[in-house]
Amino acid sequence: MSENVAGTPAPEWLTMPDLVEVLDESLGRVRRLIDEHYLIGSRRTGVFAVPSVFIVDGHPLSSLRGTVIVMQDAGFTDDEIIDWLFEEEESLGRSPIAALLDGHKSAVRRLARTLA
């Protein structure tokens, strides 16, 4: 596992071909999921890729989209959003992505709104 900009363990990354396979969707459909903010990715490794944890049971994590939109509306870049999702948040007692995976999207979005 590599480290991201914030120094926390970085996720495993899925490239576009990986996403097509994992989601069992066409490349066009995967691009639409990204364009419509169901998934978010980065080119920090040189190739566009999405953290694998954003895929749950072969589908984008359902609570990710609204959180991404809140953060983008607040002016955050995709890289900043990804970094924030994986940073430990004291008020949540874990990282925002861990809280989303545990079904606590309201708490995560409340916190995201305070960052604006």
Protein backbone atom coordinates (compact mmCIF):
# COMPACT_ATOMS: atom_id res chain seq x y z
CA MET A 1 0.00 0.00 0.00
CA SER A 2 1.35 3.44 -0.91
CA GLU A 3 0.75 6.67 0.94
CA ASN A 4 -1.30 9.59 -0.29
CA VAL A 5 -0.50 13.29 0.01
CA ALA A 6 -1.81 13.44 3.58
CA GLY A 7 0.49 10.60 4.65
CA THR A 8 -2.31 8.17 5.42
CA PRO A 9 -2.48 4.74 3.81
CA ALA A 10 -3.78 5.11 0.29
CA PRO A 11 -6.42 2.86 -1.20
CA GLU A 12 -5.97 0.31 -3.93
CA TRP A 13 -6.71 1.96 -7.27
CA LEU A 14 -8.84 0.68 -10.15
CA THR A 15 -8.10 1.92 -13.67
CA MET A 16 -10.81 2.31 -16.31
CA PRO A 17 -10.33 -1.26 -17.64
CA ASP A 18 -10.51 -2.53 -14.03
CA LEU A 19 -13.73 -0.57 -13.45
CA VAL A 20 -15.31 -1.97 -16.61
CA GLU A 21 -14.57 -5.47 -15.32
CA VAL A 22 -15.51 -4.95 -11.66
CA LEU A 23 -18.73 -3.10 -12.44
CA ASP A 24 -19.56 -5.33 -15.42
CA GLU A 25 -20.49 -2.22 -17.40
CA SER A 26 -19.43 -0.74 -20.72
CA LEU A 27 -16.69 1.89 -20.81
CA GLY A 28 -19.31 4.50 -21.75
CA ARG A 29 -21.43 3.61 -18.73
CA VAL A 30 -18.39 3.79 -16.42
CA ARG A 31 -17.56 7.24 -17.81
CA ARG A 32 -21.15 8.34 -17.14
CA LEU A 33 -20.91 7.12 -13.54
CA ILE A 34 -17.83 9.31 -13.14
CA ASP A 35 -19.36 12.30 -14.96
CA GLU A 36 -22.47 12.05 -12.78
CA HIS A 37 -20.36 11.84 -9.59
CA TYR A 38 -21.33 8.30 -8.61
CA LEU A 39 -17.58 7.66 -8.65
CA ILE A 40 -14.62 9.96 -8.23
CA GLY A 41 -11.05 9.36 -9.26
CA SER A 42 -7.63 10.87 -9.70
CA ARG A 43 -4.70 11.00 -12.09
CA ARG A 44 -2.16 11.27 -9.26
CA THR A 45 -0.54 8.00 -10.36
CA GLY A 46 -0.40 9.19 -13.98
CA VAL A 47 -3.41 7.16 -15.12
CA PHE A 48 -6.99 7.94 -14.13
CA ALA A 49 -8.05 5.55 -11.38
CA VAL A 50 -10.72 5.21 -8.69
CA PRO A 51 -10.17 3.92 -5.14
CA SER A 52 -11.45 0.34 -5.04
CA VAL A 53 -13.29 0.92 -1.76
CA PHE A 54 -15.74 3.13 -3.68
CA ILE A 55 -17.11 -0.08 -5.24
CA VAL A 56 -19.30 -2.24 -2.98
CA ASP A 57 -20.78 -5.53 -4.22
CA GLY A 58 -20.11 -4.60 -7.83
CA HIS A 59 -21.77 -1.16 -7.60
CA PRO A 60 -20.65 2.36 -6.69
CA LEU A 61 -21.04 3.09 -2.96
CA SER A 62 -24.51 4.66 -2.91
CA SER A 63 -23.71 7.34 -0.31
CA LEU A 64 -20.61 8.56 -2.15
CA ARG A 65 -22.37 10.68 -4.79
CA GLY A 66 -24.07 13.15 -2.45
CA THR A 67 -20.93 13.56 -0.39
CA VAL A 68 -18.84 14.24 -3.50
CA ILE A 69 -21.36 16.82 -4.73
CA VAL A 70 -21.38 18.63 -1.35
CA MET A 71 -17.58 18.82 -1.39
CA GLN A 72 -17.37 19.89 -5.04
CA ASP A 73 -19.95 22.61 -4.36
CA ALA A 74 -17.68 23.79 -1.54
CA GLY A 75 -14.82 24.16 -4.04
CA PHE A 76 -12.80 21.03 -3.33
CA THR A 77 -10.91 19.32 -6.15
CA ASP A 78 -11.34 15.59 -6.76
CA ASP A 79 -7.89 14.91 -5.27
CA GLU A 80 -8.74 16.94 -2.16
CA ILE A 81 -12.04 15.08 -1.77
CA ILE A 82 -10.34 11.70 -2.03
CA ASP A 83 -7.67 12.73 0.48
CA TRP A 84 -10.33 13.99 2.92
CA LEU A 85 -12.37 10.80 2.60
CA PHE A 86 -9.37 8.73 3.73
CA GLU A 87 -8.10 11.03 6.51
CA GLU A 88 -8.97 10.18 10.10
CA GLU A 89 -11.67 12.59 11.34
CA GLU A 90 -11.76 13.06 15.09
CA SER A 91 -15.43 14.07 15.16
CA LEU A 92 -16.38 10.82 13.36
CA GLY A 93 -13.91 8.65 15.24
CA ARG A 94 -12.72 7.23 11.90
CA SER A 95 -12.24 8.27 8.31
CA PRO A 96 -15.22 9.66 6.38
CA ILE A 97 -15.06 6.73 3.93
CA ALA A 98 -15.24 4.27 6.84
CA ALA A 99 -18.28 6.14 8.17
CA LEU A 100 -19.93 6.04 4.73
CA LEU A 101 -19.26 2.31 4.46
CA ASP A 102 -20.91 1.88 7.87
CA GLY A 103 -24.01 3.78 6.70
CA HIS A 104 -23.41 7.12 8.43
CA LYS A 105 -23.80 9.40 5.42
CA SER A 106 -25.67 12.16 7.31
CA ALA A 107 -22.82 12.64 9.78
CA VAL A 108 -20.26 12.68 6.96
CA ARG A 109 -22.22 15.22 4.91
CA ARG A 110 -22.80 17.43 7.95
CA LEU A 111 -19.06 17.47 8.51
CA ALA A 112 -18.38 18.10 4.81
CA ARG A 113 -20.70 21.13 4.86
CA THR A 114 -18.72 22.67 7.73
CA LEU A 115 -15.56 22.60 5.58
CA ALA A 116 -16.99 25.02 3.03
